[in-house]
Amino acid sequence: MKCLLIVVALVLAVSASSELSVAGRWSEFKLKHIKSYQDKVEETKRFAIFQNNLKKIEEHNARYETGEETYQMGITKFADMTSEEFGAMLRASYKRKPGTRAVYQAPADADIPASFDWRPKGVLNAVKDQGSCGSCWAFGSIAVVESALAIKTGNLLSLSEQQLVDCARGGIYFSEGCDGGYFQDALDYVSKNGVDSEAAYPYKGVDQACRPSGNPAGKIANWTDITPNNENDLANLVVTVGPIGVSLYAEPIQFYYKGIYTGYCIDSVEFVDHAVTAVGYGSEDGVDYWIIRNSWGDDWGEDGHFRIQRGVNKCAIANEAAYVIV
């Protein structure tokens, strides 16, 4: 009987410890990502979603530890959202616009190195965070412009995403600021008007009236589409031109932490919902990958980046891409 009581006590202790662990993670999550909810009902709902997501993350990572998965999941800032909510947020932040530019095609015999990475070369700013504004289209575009100018001039500037959110909309533009937009509008705007520095036109993450300084810090001459579905052209341009603006279906990377994403994805341009920047590529354990700069802060993924399988048009990553001409 005494032995039975000890066993029961141990089971209860383990159960309580597990519950405390989940509650502790929830508290850490809210503190780290400055989460607050409108009332207790909403917080209870979010905590339930968090627990479901945590279970999904732990089950996935158990497979990762046994070599069944090529990437690891983590508790990201989106861990209190359902996959449907996360997908809806992405679809609201990026829209597709038919390309009208002549496209670039690399020579069929183009020779590129086995791996390449712009990150240590001094042409990329620290990863930025778009926050709750649906402005990935502006962040992906500005990252490409900043890098192109740095490669050309040797001077790395931090330019204004907020100016594109405020100004590349209405009239001839179809973008809608924090409600989503097109990288084509962003690059058209910069080629016509230039763009202010981040300091002159700081990011607020909300829609504002357009108020450029009239003295743009960065200017480009033009921009060009890249042939759809051609990852060889994309790799050639990453090496010879610089970081390239790309778009993809991003719902599966809600909990990405590290590794190479090779999981299930919809590889159709019709489902593209997020604009990012390709900054390099490589191979690991026989898997080719892209190095992608995101705009969800440097505490997401691999210091703000993620790696995704290359050569299979994973998540439609090669369908919509562009580079700028300084």
C-alpha atoms as a PDB file:
ATOM      1  CA  MET A   1       0.000   0.000   0.000  1.00  0.00           C
ATOM      2  CA  LYS A   2       2.819   2.342   0.927  1.00  0.00           C
ATOM      3  CA  CYS A   3       4.537   1.589  -2.383  1.00  0.00           C
ATOM      4  CA  LEU A   4       1.303   2.345  -4.265  1.00  0.00           C
ATOM      5  CA  LEU A   5       0.966   5.692  -2.517  1.00  0.00           C
ATOM      6  CA  ILE A   6       4.529   6.599  -3.495  1.00  0.00           C
ATOM      7  CA  VAL A   7       3.830   5.715  -7.149  1.00  0.00           C
ATOM      8  CA  VAL A   8       0.620   7.777  -7.160  1.00  0.00           C
ATOM      9  CA  ALA A   9       2.471  10.697  -5.604  1.00  0.00           C
ATOM     10  CA  LEU A  10       5.170  10.498  -8.272  1.00  0.00           C
ATOM     11  CA  VAL A  11       2.585  10.430 -11.077  1.00  0.00           C
ATOM     12  CA  LEU A  12       0.837  13.472  -9.626  1.00  0.00           C
ATOM     13  CA  ALA A  13       4.155  15.280  -9.248  1.00  0.00           C
ATOM     14  CA  VAL A  14       5.139  14.582 -12.872  1.00  0.00           C
ATOM     15  CA  SER A  15       1.700  15.741 -14.056  1.00  0.00           C
ATOM     16  CA  ALA A  16       1.932  18.952 -12.023  1.00  0.00           C
ATOM     17  CA  SER A  17       5.471  19.546 -13.281  1.00  0.00           C
ATOM     18  CA  SER A  18       4.304  19.124 -16.883  1.00  0.00           C
ATOM     19  CA  GLU A  19       1.457  21.588 -16.374  1.00  0.00           C
ATOM     20  CA  LEU A  20       3.815  24.080 -14.765  1.00  0.00           C
ATOM     21  CA  SER A  21       6.220  23.647 -17.655  1.00  0.00           C
ATOM     22  CA  VAL A  22       3.517  24.558 -20.198  1.00  0.00           C
ATOM     23  CA  ALA A  23       2.354  27.479 -18.054  1.00  0.00           C
ATOM     24  CA  GLY A  24       5.933  28.610 -17.679  1.00  0.00           C
ATOM     25  CA  ARG A  25       6.522  28.503 -21.408  1.00  0.00           C
ATOM     26  CA  TRP A  26       3.321  30.459 -21.918  1.00  0.00           C
ATOM     27  CA  SER A  27       4.506  33.147 -19.498  1.00  0.00           C
ATOM     28  CA  GLU A  28       7.919  33.305 -21.187  1.00  0.00           C
ATOM     29  CA  PHE A  29       6.242  33.529 -24.592  1.00  0.00           C
ATOM     30  CA  LYS A  30       4.026  36.438 -23.542  1.00  0.00           C
ATOM     31  CA  LEU A  31       6.933  38.280 -21.929  1.00  0.00           C
ATOM     32  CA  LYS A  32       9.364  37.768 -24.809  1.00  0.00           C
ATOM     33  CA  HIS A  33       6.929  38.832 -27.512  1.00  0.00           C
ATOM     34  CA  ILE A  34       5.106  41.475 -25.454  1.00  0.00           C
ATOM     35  CA  LYS A  35       1.757  39.736 -25.823  1.00  0.00           C
ATOM     36  CA  SER A  36      -1.385  41.134 -24.261  1.00  0.00           C
ATOM     37  CA  TYR A  37      -5.019  40.217 -24.878  1.00  0.00           C
ATOM     38  CA  GLN A  38      -8.259  42.175 -24.711  1.00  0.00           C
ATOM     39  CA  ASP A  39      -9.754  40.081 -21.910  1.00  0.00           C
ATOM     40  CA  LYS A  40      -9.488  36.821 -19.980  1.00  0.00           C
ATOM     41  CA  VAL A  41     -11.679  34.996 -22.492  1.00  0.00           C
ATOM     42  CA  GLU A  42      -9.311  35.884 -25.341  1.00  0.00           C
ATOM     43  CA  GLU A  43      -6.237  34.926 -23.301  1.00  0.00           C
ATOM     44  CA  THR A  44      -7.772  31.564 -22.404  1.00  0.00           C
ATOM     45  CA  LYS A  45      -8.454  30.949 -26.081  1.00  0.00           C
ATOM     46  CA  ARG A  46      -4.886  31.894 -27.019  1.00  0.00           C
ATOM     47  CA  PHE A  47      -3.432  29.688 -24.296  1.00  0.00           C
ATOM     48  CA  ALA A  48      -5.398  26.710 -25.639  1.00  0.00           C
ATOM     49  CA  ILE A  49      -4.047  27.397 -29.151  1.00  0.00           C
ATOM     50  CA  PHE A  50      -0.542  27.739 -27.696  1.00  0.00           C
ATOM     51  CA  GLN A  51      -0.840  24.341 -26.001  1.00  0.00           C
ATOM     52  CA  ASN A  52      -1.976  22.689 -29.230  1.00  0.00           C
ATOM     53  CA  ASN A  53       0.889  24.294 -31.128  1.00  0.00           C
ATOM     54  CA  LEU A  54       3.388  23.301 -28.452  1.00  0.00           C
ATOM     55  CA  LYS A  55       2.305  19.679 -28.806  1.00  0.00           C
ATOM     56  CA  LYS A  56       2.777  19.923 -32.577  1.00  0.00           C
ATOM     57  CA  ILE A  57       6.239  21.452 -32.107  1.00  0.00           C
ATOM     58  CA  GLU A  58       7.344  18.797 -29.613  1.00  0.00           C
ATOM     59  CA  GLU A  59       6.086  15.922 -31.795  1.00  0.00           C
ATOM     60  CA  HIS A  60       7.900  17.355 -34.806  1.00  0.00           C
ATOM     61  CA  ASN A  61      11.131  17.859 -32.867  1.00  0.00           C
ATOM     62  CA  ALA A  62      11.017  14.274 -31.586  1.00  0.00           C
ATOM     63  CA  ARG A  63      11.114  13.203 -35.244  1.00  0.00           C
ATOM     64  CA  TYR A  64      13.905  15.719 -35.892  1.00  0.00           C
ATOM     65  CA  GLU A  65      16.012  14.139 -33.150  1.00  0.00           C
ATOM     66  CA  THR A  66      15.689  10.726 -34.807  1.00  0.00           C
ATOM     67  CA  GLY A  67      16.624  12.111 -38.225  1.00  0.00           C
ATOM     68  CA  GLU A  68      13.132  11.918 -39.694  1.00  0.00           C
ATOM     69  CA  GLU A  69      12.944  15.696 -40.238  1.00  0.00           C
ATOM     70  CA  THR A  70      15.511  18.088 -41.719  1.00  0.00           C
ATOM     71  CA  TYR A  71      14.475  21.144 -39.724  1.00  0.00           C
ATOM     72  CA  GLN A  72      13.606  21.952 -36.134  1.00  0.00           C
ATOM     73  CA  MET A  73      10.558  23.836 -34.892  1.00  0.00           C
ATOM     74  CA  GLY A  74      10.441  26.376 -32.069  1.00  0.00           C
ATOM     75  CA  ILE A  75       8.041  28.577 -30.111  1.00  0.00           C
ATOM     76  CA  THR A  76       7.907  31.585 -32.424  1.00  0.00           C
ATOM     77  CA  LYS A  77       5.963  34.824 -31.991  1.00  0.00           C
ATOM     78  CA  PHE A  78       3.132  33.156 -33.936  1.00  0.00           C
ATOM     79  CA  ALA A  79       2.638  30.314 -31.430  1.00  0.00           C
ATOM     80  CA  ASP A  80      -0.675  31.751 -30.186  1.00  0.00           C
ATOM     81  CA  MET A  81      -2.200  31.634 -33.683  1.00  0.00           C
ATOM     82  CA  THR A  82      -3.896  28.762 -35.481  1.00  0.00           C
ATOM     83  CA  SER A  83      -2.478  27.791 -38.856  1.00  0.00           C
ATOM     84  CA  GLU A  84      -5.626  29.247 -40.456  1.00  0.00           C
ATOM     85  CA  GLU A  85      -5.098  32.596 -38.704  1.00  0.00           C
ATOM     86  CA  PHE A  86      -1.434  32.657 -39.658  1.00  0.00           C
ATOM     87  CA  GLY A  87      -2.266  31.889 -43.282  1.00  0.00           C
ATOM     88  CA  ALA A  88      -4.931  34.593 -43.376  1.00  0.00           C
ATOM     89  CA  MET A  89      -2.435  37.106 -41.987  1.00  0.00           C
ATOM     90  CA  LEU A  90       0.077  36.231 -44.703  1.00  0.00           C
ATOM     91  CA  ARG A  91      -2.462  36.388 -47.506  1.00  0.00           C
ATOM     92  CA  ALA A  92      -3.484  39.823 -46.314  1.00  0.00           C
ATOM     93  CA  SER A  93       0.102  41.054 -46.399  1.00  0.00           C
ATOM     94  CA  TYR A  94       1.196  40.024 -49.880  1.00  0.00           C
ATOM     95  CA  LYS A  95      -0.669  40.237 -53.146  1.00  0.00           C
ATOM     96  CA  ARG A  96       0.233  39.053 -56.623  1.00  0.00           C
ATOM     97  CA  LYS A  97       0.427  41.384 -59.586  1.00  0.00           C
ATOM     98  CA  PRO A  98       1.051  40.212 -63.160  1.00  0.00           C
ATOM     99  CA  GLY A  99       4.595  41.047 -64.256  1.00  0.00           C
ATOM    100  CA  THR A 100       5.010  43.381 -67.193  1.00  0.00           C
ATOM    101  CA  ARG A 101       8.796  43.541 -67.384  1.00  0.00           C
ATOM    102  CA  ALA A 102      11.112  41.827 -69.804  1.00  0.00           C
ATOM    103  CA  VAL A 103      12.671  38.927 -67.939  1.00  0.00           C
ATOM    104  CA  TYR A 104      16.301  37.968 -67.457  1.00  0.00           C
ATOM    105  CA  GLN A 105      17.555  34.606 -68.681  1.00  0.00           C
ATOM    106  CA  ALA A 106      21.022  33.427 -67.717  1.00  0.00           C
ATOM    107  CA  PRO A 107      23.191  31.601 -70.282  1.00  0.00           C
ATOM    108  CA  ALA A 108      22.510  27.880 -70.324  1.00  0.00           C
ATOM    109  CA  ASP A 109      26.169  27.138 -69.493  1.00  0.00           C
ATOM    110  CA  ALA A 110      26.451  29.680 -66.651  1.00  0.00           C
ATOM    111  CA  ASP A 111      29.028  28.459 -64.117  1.00  0.00           C
ATOM    112  CA  ILE A 112      28.277  29.234 -60.475  1.00  0.00           C
ATOM    113  CA  PRO A 113      30.024  28.117 -57.276  1.00  0.00           C
ATOM    114  CA  ALA A 114      28.645  25.256 -55.193  1.00  0.00           C
ATOM    115  CA  SER A 115      27.725  27.657 -52.393  1.00  0.00           C
ATOM    116  CA  PHE A 116      27.481  31.398 -51.850  1.00  0.00           C
ATOM    117  CA  ASP A 117      26.422  33.721 -49.021  1.00  0.00           C
ATOM    118  CA  TRP A 118      26.141  37.537 -49.005  1.00  0.00           C
ATOM    119  CA  ARG A 119      25.716  37.793 -45.222  1.00  0.00           C
ATOM    120  CA  PRO A 120      29.424  38.117 -44.302  1.00  0.00           C
ATOM    121  CA  LYS A 121      30.178  40.545 -47.149  1.00  0.00           C
ATOM    122  CA  GLY A 122      28.937  43.766 -45.538  1.00  0.00           C
ATOM    123  CA  VAL A 123      26.076  44.509 -47.922  1.00  0.00           C
ATOM    124  CA  LEU A 124      23.147  43.558 -45.686  1.00  0.00           C
ATOM    125  CA  ASN A 125      21.730  45.434 -42.713  1.00  0.00           C
ATOM    126  CA  ALA A 126      20.598  43.634 -39.578  1.00  0.00           C
ATOM    127  CA  VAL A 127      17.330  41.777 -40.099  1.00  0.00           C
ATOM    128  CA  LYS A 128      14.355  44.067 -39.542  1.00  0.00           C
ATOM    129  CA  ASP A 129      10.908  43.324 -38.099  1.00  0.00           C
ATOM    130  CA  GLN A 130       7.727  44.294 -39.923  1.00  0.00           C
ATOM    131  CA  GLY A 131       5.680  43.778 -36.747  1.00  0.00           C
ATOM    132  CA  SER A 132       1.931  43.415 -37.143  1.00  0.00           C
ATOM    133  CA  CYS A 133       1.819  45.506 -40.330  1.00  0.00           C
ATOM    134  CA  GLY A 134       1.385  43.479 -43.536  1.00  0.00           C
ATOM    135  CA  SER A 135       4.419  45.104 -45.147  1.00  0.00           C
ATOM    136  CA  CYS A 136       6.594  42.148 -46.195  1.00  0.00           C
ATOM    137  CA  TRP A 137       6.389  43.471 -49.759  1.00  0.00           C
ATOM    138  CA  ALA A 138       8.114  46.698 -48.648  1.00  0.00           C
ATOM    139  CA  PHE A 139      10.728  44.967 -46.472  1.00  0.00           C
ATOM    140  CA  GLY A 140      11.724  42.441 -49.120  1.00  0.00           C
ATOM    141  CA  SER A 141      12.057  45.199 -51.710  1.00  0.00           C
ATOM    142  CA  ILE A 142      14.037  47.592 -49.499  1.00  0.00           C
ATOM    143  CA  ALA A 143      16.490  44.815 -48.545  1.00  0.00           C
ATOM    144  CA  VAL A 144      17.235  44.257 -52.244  1.00  0.00           C
ATOM    145  CA  VAL A 145      17.651  47.991 -52.894  1.00  0.00           C
ATOM    146  CA  GLU A 146      19.934  48.469 -49.860  1.00  0.00           C
ATOM    147  CA  SER A 147      22.182  45.606 -50.948  1.00  0.00           C
ATOM    148  CA  ALA A 148      22.335  46.677 -54.606  1.00  0.00           C
ATOM    149  CA  LEU A 149      23.411  50.167 -53.582  1.00  0.00           C
ATOM    150  CA  ALA A 150      25.981  48.806 -51.114  1.00  0.00           C
ATOM    151  CA  ILE A 151      27.500  46.522 -53.759  1.00  0.00           C
ATOM    152  CA  LYS A 152      27.644  49.396 -56.258  1.00  0.00           C
ATOM    153  CA  THR A 153      28.883  52.186 -53.970  1.00  0.00           C
ATOM    154  CA  GLY A 154      30.479  50.451 -50.997  1.00  0.00           C
ATOM    155  CA  ASN A 155      28.122  52.383 -48.708  1.00  0.00           C
ATOM    156  CA  LEU A 156      25.467  50.404 -46.808  1.00  0.00           C
ATOM    157  CA  LEU A 157      22.398  52.526 -46.084  1.00  0.00           C
ATOM    158  CA  SER A 158      19.323  51.725 -44.027  1.00  0.00           C
ATOM    159  CA  LEU A 159      16.350  52.823 -46.117  1.00  0.00           C
ATOM    160  CA  SER A 160      12.698  53.450 -45.348  1.00  0.00           C
ATOM    161  CA  GLU A 161      10.114  50.679 -45.609  1.00  0.00           C
ATOM    162  CA  GLN A 162       7.577  53.066 -44.076  1.00  0.00           C
ATOM    163  CA  GLN A 163       7.824  55.383 -47.068  1.00  0.00           C
ATOM    164  CA  LEU A 164       6.728  52.542 -49.348  1.00  0.00           C
ATOM    165  CA  VAL A 165       3.897  51.615 -46.984  1.00  0.00           C
ATOM    166  CA  ASP A 166       2.662  55.215 -47.040  1.00  0.00           C
ATOM    167  CA  CYS A 167       3.451  56.282 -50.586  1.00  0.00           C
ATOM    168  CA  ALA A 168       3.426  53.259 -52.939  1.00  0.00           C
ATOM    169  CA  ARG A 169      -0.363  53.014 -52.848  1.00  0.00           C
ATOM    170  CA  GLY A 170      -3.304  54.700 -54.491  1.00  0.00           C
ATOM    171  CA  GLY A 171      -3.300  56.271 -57.941  1.00  0.00           C
ATOM    172  CA  ILE A 172      -1.052  54.203 -60.192  1.00  0.00           C
ATOM    173  CA  TYR A 173      -0.277  51.750 -57.390  1.00  0.00           C
ATOM    174  CA  PHE A 174      -2.386  48.812 -56.263  1.00  0.00           C
ATOM    175  CA  SER A 175      -0.693  48.170 -52.913  1.00  0.00           C
ATOM    176  CA  GLU A 176      -2.573  48.851 -49.693  1.00  0.00           C
ATOM    177  CA  GLY A 177       0.093  49.685 -47.128  1.00  0.00           C
ATOM    178  CA  CYS A 178      -0.254  47.543 -43.996  1.00  0.00           C
ATOM    179  CA  ASP A 179      -3.069  45.614 -45.680  1.00  0.00           C
ATOM    180  CA  GLY A 180      -0.654  44.139 -48.204  1.00  0.00           C
ATOM    181  CA  GLY A 181       1.053  45.003 -51.428  1.00  0.00           C
ATOM    182  CA  TYR A 182       3.164  44.105 -54.434  1.00  0.00           C
ATOM    183  CA  PHE A 183       6.942  44.180 -54.687  1.00  0.00           C
ATOM    184  CA  GLN A 184       6.431  45.522 -58.212  1.00  0.00           C
ATOM    185  CA  ASP A 185       4.799  48.653 -56.769  1.00  0.00           C
ATOM    186  CA  ALA A 186       7.627  49.047 -54.267  1.00  0.00           C
ATOM    187  CA  LEU A 187      10.355  48.820 -56.914  1.00  0.00           C
ATOM    188  CA  ASP A 188       8.425  51.011 -59.364  1.00  0.00           C
ATOM    189  CA  TYR A 189       8.109  53.661 -56.661  1.00  0.00           C
ATOM    190  CA  VAL A 190      11.811  53.602 -55.761  1.00  0.00           C
ATOM    191  CA  SER A 191      12.887  53.727 -59.423  1.00  0.00           C
ATOM    192  CA  LYS A 192      10.677  56.793 -59.998  1.00  0.00           C
ATOM    193  CA  ASN A 193      11.083  58.661 -56.722  1.00  0.00           C
ATOM    194  CA  GLY A 194      13.999  57.249 -54.770  1.00  0.00           C
ATOM    195  CA  VAL A 195      13.567  56.457 -51.076  1.00  0.00           C
ATOM    196  CA  ASP A 196      14.478  58.229 -47.836  1.00  0.00           C
ATOM    197  CA  SER A 197      16.769  56.869 -45.159  1.00  0.00           C
ATOM    198  CA  GLU A 198      15.288  54.967 -42.236  1.00  0.00           C
ATOM    199  CA  ALA A 199      16.331  57.826 -39.953  1.00  0.00           C
ATOM    200  CA  ALA A 200      14.541  60.435 -42.073  1.00  0.00           C
ATOM    201  CA  TYR A 201      11.374  58.343 -42.460  1.00  0.00           C
ATOM    202  CA  PRO A 202      11.308  55.808 -39.578  1.00  0.00           C
ATOM    203  CA  TYR A 203       9.205  52.678 -39.479  1.00  0.00           C
ATOM    204  CA  LYS A 204       5.990  52.911 -37.452  1.00  0.00           C
ATOM    205  CA  GLY A 205       4.205  49.788 -38.662  1.00  0.00           C
ATOM    206  CA  VAL A 206       0.930  51.613 -39.375  1.00  0.00           C
ATOM    207  CA  ASP A 207      -0.524  53.382 -42.407  1.00  0.00           C
ATOM    208  CA  GLN A 208       0.280  57.111 -42.483  1.00  0.00           C
ATOM    209  CA  ALA A 209       0.031  60.010 -44.899  1.00  0.00           C
ATOM    210  CA  CYS A 210       2.795  60.028 -47.517  1.00  0.00           C
ATOM    211  CA  ARG A 211       5.446  62.563 -46.453  1.00  0.00           C
ATOM    212  CA  PRO A 212       8.779  62.053 -48.268  1.00  0.00           C
ATOM    213  CA  SER A 213      11.605  64.456 -47.443  1.00  0.00           C
ATOM    214  CA  GLY A 214      12.232  65.373 -51.071  1.00  0.00           C
ATOM    215  CA  ASN A 215      15.888  64.424 -50.625  1.00  0.00           C
ATOM    216  CA  PRO A 216      16.001  60.630 -51.150  1.00  0.00           C
ATOM    217  CA  ALA A 217      18.995  58.757 -49.768  1.00  0.00           C
ATOM    218  CA  GLY A 218      18.711  55.861 -52.233  1.00  0.00           C
ATOM    219  CA  LYS A 219      17.881  55.682 -55.911  1.00  0.00           C
ATOM    220  CA  ILE A 220      17.770  52.884 -58.492  1.00  0.00           C
ATOM    221  CA  ALA A 221      17.586  53.059 -62.262  1.00  0.00           C
ATOM    222  CA  ASN A 222      15.236  50.154 -62.861  1.00  0.00           C
ATOM    223  CA  TRP A 223      14.252  46.611 -61.889  1.00  0.00           C
ATOM    224  CA  THR A 224      13.819  43.347 -63.784  1.00  0.00           C
ATOM    225  CA  ASP A 225      11.765  40.182 -63.412  1.00  0.00           C
ATOM    226  CA  ILE A 226      13.465  36.783 -63.450  1.00  0.00           C
ATOM    227  CA  THR A 227      12.241  33.896 -65.586  1.00  0.00           C
ATOM    228  CA  PRO A 228       9.687  31.944 -63.529  1.00  0.00           C
ATOM    229  CA  ASN A 229      10.603  28.505 -62.157  1.00  0.00           C
ATOM    230  CA  ASN A 230      14.268  28.810 -63.099  1.00  0.00           C
ATOM    231  CA  GLU A 231      16.335  28.310 -59.958  1.00  0.00           C
ATOM    232  CA  ASN A 232      19.568  28.182 -61.963  1.00  0.00           C
ATOM    233  CA  ASP A 233      18.954  31.733 -63.153  1.00  0.00           C
ATOM    234  CA  LEU A 234      18.152  32.719 -59.598  1.00  0.00           C
ATOM    235  CA  ALA A 235      21.408  31.257 -58.254  1.00  0.00           C
ATOM    236  CA  ASN A 236      23.382  32.903 -61.050  1.00  0.00           C
ATOM    237  CA  LEU A 237      21.901  36.287 -60.190  1.00  0.00           C
ATOM    238  CA  VAL A 238      22.444  35.889 -56.454  1.00  0.00           C
ATOM    239  CA  VAL A 239      26.166  35.425 -57.189  1.00  0.00           C
ATOM    240  CA  THR A 240      26.651  37.967 -59.969  1.00  0.00           C
ATOM    241  CA  VAL A 241      24.152  40.703 -59.058  1.00  0.00           C
ATOM    242  CA  GLY A 242      23.368  40.468 -55.351  1.00  0.00           C
ATOM    243  CA  PRO A 243      20.494  39.542 -53.025  1.00  0.00           C
ATOM    244  CA  ILE A 244      17.307  38.894 -55.000  1.00  0.00           C
ATOM    245  CA  GLY A 245      13.697  39.598 -54.076  1.00  0.00           C
ATOM    246  CA  VAL A 246      11.639  36.399 -54.044  1.00  0.00           C
ATOM    247  CA  SER A 247       8.190  35.340 -52.861  1.00  0.00           C
ATOM    248  CA  LEU A 248       6.834  32.069 -51.537  1.00  0.00           C
ATOM    249  CA  TYR A 249       4.020  30.226 -49.814  1.00  0.00           C
ATOM    250  CA  ALA A 250       5.058  30.768 -46.192  1.00  0.00           C
ATOM    251  CA  GLU A 251       2.343  29.122 -44.077  1.00  0.00           C
ATOM    252  CA  PRO A 252       4.452  25.997 -43.328  1.00  0.00           C
ATOM    253  CA  ILE A 253       7.257  28.029 -41.677  1.00  0.00           C
ATOM    254  CA  GLN A 254       5.073  29.360 -38.844  1.00  0.00           C
ATOM    255  CA  PHE A 255       7.206  27.509 -36.262  1.00  0.00           C
ATOM    256  CA  TYR A 256      10.513  27.241 -38.149  1.00  0.00           C
ATOM    257  CA  TYR A 257      13.558  27.397 -35.859  1.00  0.00           C
ATOM    258  CA  LYS A 258      16.566  25.981 -37.713  1.00  0.00           C
ATOM    259  CA  GLY A 259      17.615  23.536 -40.420  1.00  0.00           C
ATOM    260  CA  ILE A 260      16.528  23.064 -44.027  1.00  0.00           C
ATOM    261  CA  TYR A 261      12.808  23.167 -44.691  1.00  0.00           C
ATOM    262  CA  THR A 262      11.960  20.160 -46.879  1.00  0.00           C
ATOM    263  CA  GLY A 263       8.458  19.504 -45.547  1.00  0.00           C
ATOM    264  CA  TYR A 264       5.085  19.631 -47.201  1.00  0.00           C
ATOM    265  CA  CYS A 265       4.371  22.776 -49.168  1.00  0.00           C
ATOM    266  CA  ILE A 266       2.118  24.005 -51.944  1.00  0.00           C
ATOM    267  CA  ASP A 267       4.476  24.731 -54.817  1.00  0.00           C
ATOM    268  CA  SER A 268       2.048  26.847 -56.824  1.00  0.00           C
ATOM    269  CA  VAL A 269       2.322  30.554 -57.546  1.00  0.00           C
ATOM    270  CA  GLU A 270      -1.394  30.888 -56.823  1.00  0.00           C
ATOM    271  CA  PHE A 271      -0.658  30.363 -53.119  1.00  0.00           C
ATOM    272  CA  VAL A 272       2.321  32.731 -52.778  1.00  0.00           C
ATOM    273  CA  ASP A 273       1.739  34.884 -49.677  1.00  0.00           C
ATOM    274  CA  HIS A 274       5.058  36.308 -48.443  1.00  0.00           C
ATOM    275  CA  ALA A 275       7.867  38.445 -49.910  1.00  0.00           C
ATOM    276  CA  VAL A 276      11.451  37.819 -48.737  1.00  0.00           C
ATOM    277  CA  THR A 277      15.046  38.074 -49.985  1.00  0.00           C
ATOM    278  CA  ALA A 278      17.364  35.336 -51.274  1.00  0.00           C
ATOM    279  CA  VAL A 279      20.869  36.078 -49.964  1.00  0.00           C
ATOM    280  CA  GLY A 280      22.697  32.839 -50.733  1.00  0.00           C
ATOM    281  CA  TYR A 281      22.554  29.103 -51.215  1.00  0.00           C
ATOM    282  CA  GLY A 282      24.441  25.931 -50.359  1.00  0.00           C
ATOM    283  CA  SER A 283      24.144  22.211 -49.592  1.00  0.00           C
ATOM    284  CA  GLU A 284      24.096  20.160 -46.398  1.00  0.00           C
ATOM    285  CA  ASP A 285      23.974  16.378 -46.054  1.00  0.00           C
ATOM    286  CA  GLY A 286      23.076  16.067 -49.712  1.00  0.00           C
ATOM    287  CA  VAL A 287      20.236  18.601 -49.566  1.00  0.00           C
ATOM    288  CA  ASP A 288      20.554  21.796 -51.621  1.00  0.00           C
ATOM    289  CA  TYR A 289      19.089  24.915 -50.009  1.00  0.00           C
ATOM    290  CA  TRP A 290      18.427  28.625 -50.342  1.00  0.00           C
ATOM    291  CA  ILE A 291      19.380  31.087 -47.588  1.00  0.00           C
ATOM    292  CA  ILE A 292      16.416  33.423 -47.167  1.00  0.00           C
ATOM    293  CA  ARG A 293      16.345  36.692 -45.223  1.00  0.00           C
ATOM    294  CA  ASN A 294      12.973  37.252 -43.541  1.00  0.00           C
ATOM    295  CA  SER A 295      11.384  40.350 -41.954  1.00  0.00           C
ATOM    296  CA  TRP A 296      10.149  38.874 -38.668  1.00  0.00           C
ATOM    297  CA  GLY A 297      13.078  40.067 -36.530  1.00  0.00           C
ATOM    298  CA  ASP A 298      16.423  38.445 -35.737  1.00  0.00           C
ATOM    299  CA  ASP A 299      14.938  36.336 -32.933  1.00  0.00           C
ATOM    300  CA  TRP A 300      13.009  34.255 -35.483  1.00  0.00           C
ATOM    301  CA  GLY A 301      14.614  31.300 -37.279  1.00  0.00           C
ATOM    302  CA  GLU A 302      18.365  31.291 -37.868  1.00  0.00           C
ATOM    303  CA  ASP A 303      19.095  34.865 -36.770  1.00  0.00           C
ATOM    304  CA  GLY A 304      16.175  36.120 -38.825  1.00  0.00           C
ATOM    305  CA  HIS A 305      16.850  33.798 -41.794  1.00  0.00           C
ATOM    306  CA  PHE A 306      15.651  30.401 -42.888  1.00  0.00           C
ATOM    307  CA  ARG A 307      16.919  27.740 -45.238  1.00  0.00           C
ATOM    308  CA  ILE A 308      14.594  26.033 -47.672  1.00  0.00           C
ATOM    309  CA  GLN A 309      15.147  23.219 -50.148  1.00  0.00           C
ATOM    310  CA  ARG A 310      16.582  24.342 -53.501  1.00  0.00           C
ATOM    311  CA  GLY A 311      16.088  22.812 -56.934  1.00  0.00           C
ATOM    312  CA  VAL A 312      12.456  21.701 -56.571  1.00  0.00           C
ATOM    313  CA  ASN A 313      10.749  25.109 -56.533  1.00  0.00           C
ATOM    314  CA  LYS A 314       9.793  24.475 -52.908  1.00  0.00           C
ATOM    315  CA  CYS A 315       6.840  26.644 -51.842  1.00  0.00           C
ATOM    316  CA  ALA A 316       6.920  28.290 -55.317  1.00  0.00           C
ATOM    317  CA  ILE A 317      10.051  30.227 -54.354  1.00  0.00           C
ATOM    318  CA  ALA A 318      11.228  30.668 -57.946  1.00  0.00           C
ATOM    319  CA  ASN A 319       7.942  31.838 -59.442  1.00  0.00           C
ATOM    320  CA  GLU A 320       8.111  35.524 -58.549  1.00  0.00           C
ATOM    321  CA  ALA A 321      11.553  37.081 -58.299  1.00  0.00           C
ATOM    322  CA  ALA A 322      13.205  40.356 -59.229  1.00  0.00           C
ATOM    323  CA  TYR A 323      16.466  42.281 -58.965  1.00  0.00           C
ATOM    324  CA  VAL A 324      17.249  45.977 -59.239  1.00  0.00           C
ATOM    325  CA  ILE A 325      19.568  47.928 -61.486  1.00  0.00           C
ATOM    326  CA  VAL A 326      21.451  50.790 -59.842  1.00  0.00           C
END
